[in-house]
C-alpha atoms as a PDB file:
ATOM      1  CA  UNK A   1     245.442  26.136 107.722  1.00  0.00           C
ATOM      2  CA  UNK A   2     242.447  27.715 109.624  1.00  0.00           C
ATOM      3  CA  UNK A   3     243.241  30.043 112.336  1.00  0.00           C
ATOM      4  CA  UNK A   4     240.521  32.667 113.512  1.00  0.00           C
ATOM      5  CA  UNK A   5     240.223  35.763 115.355  1.00  0.00           C
ATOM      6  CA  UNK A   6     237.906  38.680 115.684  1.00  0.00           C
ATOM      7  CA  UNK A   7     240.414  41.330 114.443  1.00  0.00           C
ATOM      8  CA  UNK A   8     243.387  41.976 112.189  1.00  0.00           C
ATOM      9  CA  UNK A   9     246.890  40.987 113.309  1.00  0.00           C
ATOM     10  CA  UNK A  10     249.562  43.603 113.532  1.00  0.00           C
ATOM     11  CA  UNK A  11     251.137  41.792 110.448  1.00  0.00           C
ATOM     12  CA  UNK A  12     247.974  42.075 108.629  1.00  0.00           C
ATOM     13  CA  UNK A  13     247.362  45.677 109.564  1.00  0.00           C
ATOM     14  CA  UNK A  14     250.930  46.477 108.160  1.00  0.00           C
ATOM     15  CA  UNK A  15     250.155  44.720 104.849  1.00  0.00           C
ATOM     16  CA  UNK A  16     247.147  46.845 104.386  1.00  0.00           C
ATOM     17  CA  UNK A  17     248.989  50.006 104.400  1.00  0.00           C
ATOM     18  CA  UNK A  18     249.236  51.917 101.115  1.00  0.00           C
ATOM     19  CA  UNK A  19     247.649  50.756  98.143  1.00  0.00           C
ATOM     20  CA  UNK A  20     246.601  47.201  98.458  1.00  0.00           C
ATOM     21  CA  UNK A  21     244.254  45.067  96.183  1.00  0.00           C
ATOM     22  CA  UNK A  22     241.559  43.729  98.484  1.00  0.00           C
ATOM     23  CA  UNK A  23     238.531  41.497  96.970  1.00  0.00           C
ATOM     24  CA  UNK A  24     235.195  42.954  98.164  1.00  0.00           C
ATOM     25  CA  UNK A  25     232.424  40.358  98.492  1.00  0.00           C
ATOM     26  CA  UNK A  26     228.812  41.548  98.836  1.00  0.00           C
ATOM     27  CA  UNK A  27     225.390  39.936  98.139  1.00  0.00           C
ATOM     28  CA  UNK A  28     223.981  41.203  94.878  1.00  0.00           C
ATOM     29  CA  UNK A  29     220.599  42.876  95.473  1.00  0.00           C
ATOM     30  CA  UNK A  30     219.090  41.552  92.178  1.00  0.00           C
ATOM     31  CA  UNK A  31     220.273  38.040  92.052  1.00  0.00           C
ATOM     32  CA  UNK A  32     221.045  37.297  95.806  1.00  0.00           C
ATOM     33  CA  UNK A  33     224.360  35.703  94.702  1.00  0.00           C
ATOM     34  CA  UNK A  34     227.699  36.919  96.112  1.00  0.00           C
ATOM     35  CA  UNK A  35     229.247  39.568  93.982  1.00  0.00           C
ATOM     36  CA  UNK A  36     233.034  40.248  93.753  1.00  0.00           C
ATOM     37  CA  UNK A  37     234.766  43.468  93.048  1.00  0.00           C
ATOM     38  CA  UNK A  38     238.525  44.530  93.603  1.00  0.00           C
ATOM     39  CA  UNK A  39     239.371  47.765  95.728  1.00  0.00           C
ATOM     40  CA  UNK A  40     242.566  49.392  96.454  1.00  0.00           C
ATOM     41  CA  UNK A  41     241.813  52.401  98.676  1.00  0.00           C
ATOM     42  CA  UNK A  42     241.676  50.459 102.009  1.00  0.00           C
ATOM     43  CA  UNK A  43     242.579  51.776 105.512  1.00  0.00           C
ATOM     44  CA  UNK A  44     242.528  49.598 108.619  1.00  0.00           C
ATOM     45  CA  UNK A  45     242.387  51.174 112.130  1.00  0.00           C
ATOM     46  CA  UNK A  46     245.516  50.753 114.298  1.00  0.00           C
ATOM     47  CA  UNK A  47     243.405  48.304 116.702  1.00  0.00           C
ATOM     48  CA  UNK A  48     242.592  46.128 113.868  1.00  0.00           C
ATOM     49  CA  UNK A  49     238.758  46.110 114.495  1.00  0.00           C
ATOM     50  CA  UNK A  50     237.815  48.464 111.614  1.00  0.00           C
ATOM     51  CA  UNK A  51     238.523  48.688 107.979  1.00  0.00           C
ATOM     52  CA  UNK A  52     237.516  51.534 105.760  1.00  0.00           C
ATOM     53  CA  UNK A  53     237.351  51.435 102.036  1.00  0.00           C
ATOM     54  CA  UNK A  54     236.430  54.165  99.605  1.00  0.00           C
ATOM     55  CA  UNK A  55     234.336  53.362  96.440  1.00  0.00           C
ATOM     56  CA  UNK A  56     232.962  55.300  93.723  1.00  0.00           C
ATOM     57  CA  UNK A  57     229.608  56.729  94.668  1.00  0.00           C
ATOM     58  CA  UNK A  58     227.716  54.789  91.899  1.00  0.00           C
ATOM     59  CA  UNK A  59     229.484  51.499  92.823  1.00  0.00           C
ATOM     60  CA  UNK A  60     226.930  48.514  92.818  1.00  0.00           C
ATOM     61  CA  UNK A  61     228.551  47.353  95.958  1.00  0.00           C
ATOM     62  CA  UNK A  62     227.033  50.223  97.865  1.00  0.00           C
ATOM     63  CA  UNK A  63     223.548  49.397  97.312  1.00  0.00           C
ATOM     64  CA  UNK A  64     224.479  45.613  97.857  1.00  0.00           C
ATOM     65  CA  UNK A  65     225.674  46.753 101.293  1.00  0.00           C
ATOM     66  CA  UNK A  66     222.748  49.122 101.944  1.00  0.00           C
ATOM     67  CA  UNK A  67     220.569  46.210 101.590  1.00  0.00           C
ATOM     68  CA  UNK A  68     222.650  43.402 103.044  1.00  0.00           C
ATOM     69  CA  UNK A  69     225.720  44.552 105.220  1.00  0.00           C
ATOM     70  CA  UNK A  70     227.409  41.224 105.598  1.00  0.00           C
ATOM     71  CA  UNK A  71     230.674  41.409 103.499  1.00  0.00           C
ATOM     72  CA  UNK A  72     233.660  39.254 103.237  1.00  0.00           C
ATOM     73  CA  UNK A  73     237.073  40.974 102.199  1.00  0.00           C
ATOM     74  CA  UNK A  74     239.626  38.620 100.465  1.00  0.00           C
ATOM     75  CA  UNK A  75     243.046  39.747 101.489  1.00  0.00           C
ATOM     76  CA  UNK A  76     246.420  38.420 100.248  1.00  0.00           C
ATOM     77  CA  UNK A  77     249.074  39.532 102.369  1.00  0.00           C
ATOM     78  CA  UNK A  78     251.336  38.858 105.513  1.00  0.00           C
ATOM     79  CA  UNK A  79     252.418  35.696 103.822  1.00  0.00           C
ATOM     80  CA  UNK A  80     249.127  34.215 103.256  1.00  0.00           C
ATOM     81  CA  UNK A  81     245.318  34.633 102.477  1.00  0.00           C
ATOM     82  CA  UNK A  82     242.661  35.833 104.648  1.00  0.00           C
ATOM     83  CA  UNK A  83     238.940  35.940 104.590  1.00  0.00           C
ATOM     84  CA  UNK A  84     237.763  39.034 106.858  1.00  0.00           C
ATOM     85  CA  UNK A  85     234.132  38.907 107.615  1.00  0.00           C
ATOM     86  CA  UNK A  86     232.259  41.742 109.003  1.00  0.00           C
ATOM     87  CA  UNK A  87     229.355  44.190 108.921  1.00  0.00           C
ATOM     88  CA  UNK A  88     229.744  47.260 106.628  1.00  0.00           C
ATOM     89  CA  UNK A  89     228.121  50.659 106.646  1.00  0.00           C
ATOM     90  CA  UNK A  90     228.064  53.075 103.848  1.00  0.00           C
ATOM     91  CA  UNK A  91     228.543  56.960 104.396  1.00  0.00           C
ATOM     92  CA  UNK A  92     226.843  59.646 102.785  1.00  0.00           C
ATOM     93  CA  UNK A  93     228.335  60.762  99.291  1.00  0.00           C
ATOM     94  CA  UNK A  94     231.613  62.706  99.618  1.00  0.00           C
ATOM     95  CA  UNK A  95     232.241  65.283  97.011  1.00  0.00           C
ATOM     96  CA  UNK A  96     236.348  65.376  96.348  1.00  0.00           C
ATOM     97  CA  UNK A  97     237.856  65.400  93.047  1.00  0.00           C
ATOM     98  CA  UNK A  98     235.458  62.386  92.541  1.00  0.00           C
ATOM     99  CA  UNK A  99     232.460  61.522  94.398  1.00  0.00           C
ATOM    100  CA  UNK A 100     232.893  58.755  96.725  1.00  0.00           C
ATOM    101  CA  UNK A 101     231.187  57.035  99.645  1.00  0.00           C
ATOM    102  CA  UNK A 102     233.314  55.314 102.611  1.00  0.00           C
ATOM    103  CA  UNK A 103     232.444  51.874 103.615  1.00  0.00           C
ATOM    104  CA  UNK A 104     233.215  51.203 107.241  1.00  0.00           C
ATOM    105  CA  UNK A 105     233.478  47.571 107.963  1.00  0.00           C
ATOM    106  CA  UNK A 106     233.395  46.335 111.645  1.00  0.00           C
ATOM    107  CA  UNK A 107     235.611  43.137 111.681  1.00  0.00           C
ATOM    108  CA  UNK A 108     233.959  40.341 113.058  1.00  0.00           C
ATOM    109  CA  UNK A 109     236.134  37.191 111.980  1.00  0.00           C
ATOM    110  CA  UNK A 110     239.434  37.038 110.410  1.00  0.00           C
ATOM    111  CA  UNK A 111     240.421  33.436 109.124  1.00  0.00           C
ATOM    112  CA  UNK A 112     243.494  32.401 107.376  1.00  0.00           C
ATOM    113  CA  UNK A 113     242.051  30.337 104.431  1.00  0.00           C
ATOM    114  CA  UNK A 114     245.558  29.230 102.815  1.00  0.00           C
ATOM    115  CA  UNK A 115     245.759  25.755 101.687  1.00  0.00           C
ATOM    116  CA  UNK A 116     247.944  23.447 103.810  1.00  0.00           C
ATOM    117  CA  UNK A 117     251.479  23.995 103.278  1.00  0.00           C
ATOM    118  CA  UNK A 118     251.031  27.202 101.253  1.00  0.00           C
ATOM    119  CA  UNK A 119     252.734  30.432 101.763  1.00  0.00           C
ATOM    120  CA  UNK A 120     252.456  33.642  99.831  1.00  0.00           C
ATOM    121  CA  UNK A 121     255.881  34.678  98.596  1.00  0.00           C
ATOM    122  CA  UNK A 122     254.901  37.578  96.329  1.00  0.00           C
ATOM    123  CA  UNK A 123     251.911  39.844  97.006  1.00  0.00           C
ATOM    124  CA  UNK A 124     249.934  41.023  94.032  1.00  0.00           C
ATOM    125  CA  UNK A 125     250.987  44.292  92.475  1.00  0.00           C
ATOM    126  CA  UNK A 126     249.427  46.472  90.035  1.00  0.00           C
ATOM    127  CA  UNK A 127     249.610  50.044  88.116  1.00  0.00           C
ATOM    128  CA  UNK A 128     247.074  52.629  87.640  1.00  0.00           C
ATOM    129  CA  UNK A 129     246.740  53.333  83.858  1.00  0.00           C
ATOM    130  CA  UNK A 130     245.189  56.717  84.139  1.00  0.00           C
ATOM    131  CA  UNK A 131     246.332  60.049  84.289  1.00  0.00           C
ATOM    132  CA  UNK A 132     249.473  60.155  86.914  1.00  0.00           C
ATOM    133  CA  UNK A 133     248.836  63.514  88.347  1.00  0.00           C
ATOM    134  CA  UNK A 134     245.120  62.682  88.907  1.00  0.00           C
ATOM    135  CA  UNK A 135     245.996  59.320  90.379  1.00  0.00           C
ATOM    136  CA  UNK A 136     248.195  61.156  92.907  1.00  0.00           C
ATOM    137  CA  UNK A 137     245.511  63.811  93.837  1.00  0.00           C
ATOM    138  CA  UNK A 138     242.744  61.291  94.244  1.00  0.00           C
ATOM    139  CA  UNK A 139     244.941  59.030  96.350  1.00  0.00           C
ATOM    140  CA  UNK A 140     246.066  61.912  98.795  1.00  0.00           C
ATOM    141  CA  UNK A 141     242.398  62.995  99.003  1.00  0.00           C
ATOM    142  CA  UNK A 142     241.087  59.464  99.777  1.00  0.00           C
ATOM    143  CA  UNK A 143     243.666  58.424 102.056  1.00  0.00           C
ATOM    144  CA  UNK A 144     243.024  61.776 104.136  1.00  0.00           C
ATOM    145  CA  UNK A 145     239.339  61.021 104.141  1.00  0.00           C
ATOM    146  CA  UNK A 146     239.875  57.344 105.161  1.00  0.00           C
ATOM    147  CA  UNK A 147     242.139  58.407 108.180  1.00  0.00           C
ATOM    148  CA  UNK A 148     239.438  60.752 109.370  1.00  0.00           C
END
């Protein structure tokens, strides 16, 4: 089932609130092949035209985006699987508890890529395995940054 749009639906915006796992696909600068990473600090704008993602300042995805801003986000949510294509821009390094960069993605195309007759009944879940207090502190800082 392929349905395309140039922005996120209200249902997808809602699905991307909080700590959602999203696949980030960039083009590797050395191999020029797609490179997949998984991110969880994600914040869409209310109008669905932009998504901000926070990455550690040394993440290989940052250099990939600086060289080639075309990205794809793989999103499982709102009962389906979506490919979100866009252009990404990397901020300067932000020094919080951890050094981060904000990647701002201008959404160009949203496509439902779920196979025919399929529906997601349970969205992926994860837990953080590092210091719980640090995780809470980082999340608070990062989401404040992403909402600026």
